[in-house]
């Protein structure tokens, strides 16, 4: 298989699983526990948080914003931080509960 075809395939599976985690996390986590190769996709929100912090620091160095714009940007970033953090906690909780149920069988 050529490298670019493999990259497209991996990107498709990653995106499909991320969309599943977004819209129906319960059934997608159940599928991920059956196929452990998809396990890194569960930690995508953590990767997103790290990217958000890095880009925020770079933007703070390059762009100076004052007044109401600064408060709106802070509100948007804090809302994104909280929502992504709780989404990651939900995914970890669902993964742990499915793995515990799988081990009890």
C-alpha atoms as a PDB file:
ATOM      1  CA  UNK A   1       0.000   0.000   0.000  1.00  0.00           C
ATOM      2  CA  UNK A   2       1.379   3.408  -0.935  1.00  0.00           C
ATOM      3  CA  UNK A   3       2.161   5.902   1.796  1.00  0.00           C
ATOM      4  CA  UNK A   4      -0.357   8.522   0.677  1.00  0.00           C
ATOM      5  CA  UNK A   5      -3.172   5.961   0.426  1.00  0.00           C
ATOM      6  CA  UNK A   6      -2.315   4.670   3.897  1.00  0.00           C
ATOM      7  CA  UNK A   7      -2.315   8.250   5.241  1.00  0.00           C
ATOM      8  CA  UNK A   8      -5.750   8.894   3.729  1.00  0.00           C
ATOM      9  CA  UNK A   9      -7.053   5.647   5.230  1.00  0.00           C
ATOM     10  CA  UNK A  10      -5.698   6.470   8.697  1.00  0.00           C
ATOM     11  CA  UNK A  11      -7.090  10.019   8.496  1.00  0.00           C
ATOM     12  CA  UNK A  12     -10.495   8.643   7.497  1.00  0.00           C
ATOM     13  CA  UNK A  13     -10.627   6.139  10.369  1.00  0.00           C
ATOM     14  CA  UNK A  14      -9.376   8.757  12.867  1.00  0.00           C
ATOM     15  CA  UNK A  15     -11.976  11.319  11.713  1.00  0.00           C
ATOM     16  CA  UNK A  16     -14.777   8.757  11.669  1.00  0.00           C
ATOM     17  CA  UNK A  17     -13.953   7.668  15.213  1.00  0.00           C
ATOM     18  CA  UNK A  18     -13.653  11.278  16.430  1.00  0.00           C
ATOM     19  CA  UNK A  19     -17.054  12.128  14.987  1.00  0.00           C
ATOM     20  CA  UNK A  20     -18.460   9.041  16.665  1.00  0.00           C
ATOM     21  CA  UNK A  21     -16.915  10.085  19.982  1.00  0.00           C
ATOM     22  CA  UNK A  22     -18.461  13.517  19.569  1.00  0.00           C
ATOM     23  CA  UNK A  23     -22.014  12.534  18.696  1.00  0.00           C
ATOM     24  CA  UNK A  24     -22.465   9.112  20.338  1.00  0.00           C
ATOM     25  CA  UNK A  25     -19.538   8.377  22.655  1.00  0.00           C
ATOM     26  CA  UNK A  26     -21.103   5.341  24.356  1.00  0.00           C
ATOM     27  CA  UNK A  27     -21.301   3.143  21.267  1.00  0.00           C
ATOM     28  CA  UNK A  28     -17.996   4.400  19.863  1.00  0.00           C
ATOM     29  CA  UNK A  29     -16.121   3.607  23.081  1.00  0.00           C
ATOM     30  CA  UNK A  30     -17.661   0.139  22.979  1.00  0.00           C
ATOM     31  CA  UNK A  31     -16.281  -0.305  19.446  1.00  0.00           C
ATOM     32  CA  UNK A  32     -12.856   0.999  20.520  1.00  0.00           C
ATOM     33  CA  UNK A  33     -12.651  -1.548  23.342  1.00  0.00           C
ATOM     34  CA  UNK A  34     -13.270  -4.280  20.779  1.00  0.00           C
ATOM     35  CA  UNK A  35     -10.538  -2.866  18.498  1.00  0.00           C
ATOM     36  CA  UNK A  36      -7.693  -1.671  20.768  1.00  0.00           C
ATOM     37  CA  UNK A  37      -5.726  -0.238  17.835  1.00  0.00           C
ATOM     38  CA  UNK A  38      -8.128   2.747  17.964  1.00  0.00           C
ATOM     39  CA  UNK A  39      -7.292   3.471  21.616  1.00  0.00           C
ATOM     40  CA  UNK A  40      -5.125   6.573  20.880  1.00  0.00           C
ATOM     41  CA  UNK A  41      -8.141   8.284  19.310  1.00  0.00           C
ATOM     42  CA  UNK A  42      -9.751   8.451  22.754  1.00  0.00           C
ATOM     43  CA  UNK A  43      -6.986  10.772  23.906  1.00  0.00           C
ATOM     44  CA  UNK A  44      -7.480  13.229  21.018  1.00  0.00           C
ATOM     45  CA  UNK A  45      -9.142  15.820  23.294  1.00  0.00           C
ATOM     46  CA  UNK A  46      -5.976  15.829  25.414  1.00  0.00           C
ATOM     47  CA  UNK A  47      -3.938  16.450  22.265  1.00  0.00           C
ATOM     48  CA  UNK A  48      -6.376  19.234  21.408  1.00  0.00           C
ATOM     49  CA  UNK A  49      -5.901  20.825  24.841  1.00  0.00           C
ATOM     50  CA  UNK A  50      -2.136  20.748  24.507  1.00  0.00           C
ATOM     51  CA  UNK A  51      -2.411  22.292  21.048  1.00  0.00           C
ATOM     52  CA  UNK A  52      -4.754  24.966  22.427  1.00  0.00           C
ATOM     53  CA  UNK A  53      -2.233  25.902  25.120  1.00  0.00           C
ATOM     54  CA  UNK A  54       0.701  26.040  22.695  1.00  0.00           C
ATOM     55  CA  UNK A  55      -1.210  28.118  20.149  1.00  0.00           C
ATOM     56  CA  UNK A  56      -2.486  30.391  22.929  1.00  0.00           C
ATOM     57  CA  UNK A  57       1.031  31.085  24.137  1.00  0.00           C
ATOM     58  CA  UNK A  58       2.270  31.734  20.595  1.00  0.00           C
ATOM     59  CA  UNK A  59      -0.645  34.074  19.914  1.00  0.00           C
ATOM     60  CA  UNK A  60       0.011  35.903  23.186  1.00  0.00           C
ATOM     61  CA  UNK A  61       3.572  36.568  22.062  1.00  0.00           C
ATOM     62  CA  UNK A  62       2.601  37.728  18.579  1.00  0.00           C
ATOM     63  CA  UNK A  63      -0.692  39.558  19.124  1.00  0.00           C
ATOM     64  CA  UNK A  64      -1.476  42.184  21.751  1.00  0.00           C
ATOM     65  CA  UNK A  65      -5.196  42.616  22.417  1.00  0.00           C
ATOM     66  CA  UNK A  66      -6.730  44.998  24.937  1.00  0.00           C
ATOM     67  CA  UNK A  67     -10.162  45.869  26.261  1.00  0.00           C
ATOM     68  CA  UNK A  68     -13.324  43.980  25.440  1.00  0.00           C
ATOM     69  CA  UNK A  69     -11.645  41.871  22.746  1.00  0.00           C
ATOM     70  CA  UNK A  70      -9.248  40.434  25.311  1.00  0.00           C
ATOM     71  CA  UNK A  71     -12.113  39.456  27.610  1.00  0.00           C
ATOM     72  CA  UNK A  72     -14.038  37.837  24.765  1.00  0.00           C
ATOM     73  CA  UNK A  73     -10.994  35.819  23.718  1.00  0.00           C
ATOM     74  CA  UNK A  74     -10.427  34.737  27.329  1.00  0.00           C
ATOM     75  CA  UNK A  75     -14.082  33.720  27.657  1.00  0.00           C
ATOM     76  CA  UNK A  76     -13.955  31.699  24.437  1.00  0.00           C
ATOM     77  CA  UNK A  77     -10.713  29.941  25.384  1.00  0.00           C
ATOM     78  CA  UNK A  78     -11.857  29.150  28.913  1.00  0.00           C
ATOM     79  CA  UNK A  79     -15.147  27.717  27.631  1.00  0.00           C
ATOM     80  CA  UNK A  80     -13.209  25.572  25.159  1.00  0.00           C
ATOM     81  CA  UNK A  81     -10.837  24.444  27.916  1.00  0.00           C
ATOM     82  CA  UNK A  82     -13.626  23.409  30.261  1.00  0.00           C
ATOM     83  CA  UNK A  83     -15.692  21.645  27.614  1.00  0.00           C
ATOM     84  CA  UNK A  84     -12.745  19.708  26.158  1.00  0.00           C
ATOM     85  CA  UNK A  85     -11.571  18.758  29.655  1.00  0.00           C
ATOM     86  CA  UNK A  86     -14.984  17.376  30.643  1.00  0.00           C
ATOM     87  CA  UNK A  87     -15.320  15.598  27.302  1.00  0.00           C
ATOM     88  CA  UNK A  88     -11.977  13.890  27.955  1.00  0.00           C
ATOM     89  CA  UNK A  89     -13.108  12.903  31.448  1.00  0.00           C
ATOM     90  CA  UNK A  90     -16.300  11.396  30.012  1.00  0.00           C
ATOM     91  CA  UNK A  91     -14.334   9.374  27.480  1.00  0.00           C
ATOM     92  CA  UNK A  92     -11.922   8.088  30.124  1.00  0.00           C
ATOM     93  CA  UNK A  93     -14.832   7.153  32.404  1.00  0.00           C
ATOM     94  CA  UNK A  94     -16.599   5.261  29.617  1.00  0.00           C
ATOM     95  CA  UNK A  95     -13.374   3.504  28.624  1.00  0.00           C
ATOM     96  CA  UNK A  96     -12.682   2.473  32.224  1.00  0.00           C
ATOM     97  CA  UNK A  97     -16.213   1.177  32.739  1.00  0.00           C
ATOM     98  CA  UNK A  98     -16.104  -0.871  29.527  1.00  0.00           C
ATOM     99  CA  UNK A  99     -12.669  -2.279  30.336  1.00  0.00           C
ATOM    100  CA  UNK A 100     -13.777  -3.259  33.840  1.00  0.00           C
ATOM    101  CA  UNK A 101     -16.882  -4.931  32.420  1.00  0.00           C
ATOM    102  CA  UNK A 102     -14.751  -6.710  29.836  1.00  0.00           C
ATOM    103  CA  UNK A 103     -12.324  -8.013  32.482  1.00  0.00           C
ATOM    104  CA  UNK A 104     -15.149  -9.273  34.722  1.00  0.00           C
ATOM    105  CA  UNK A 105     -16.415 -11.659  32.061  1.00  0.00           C
END
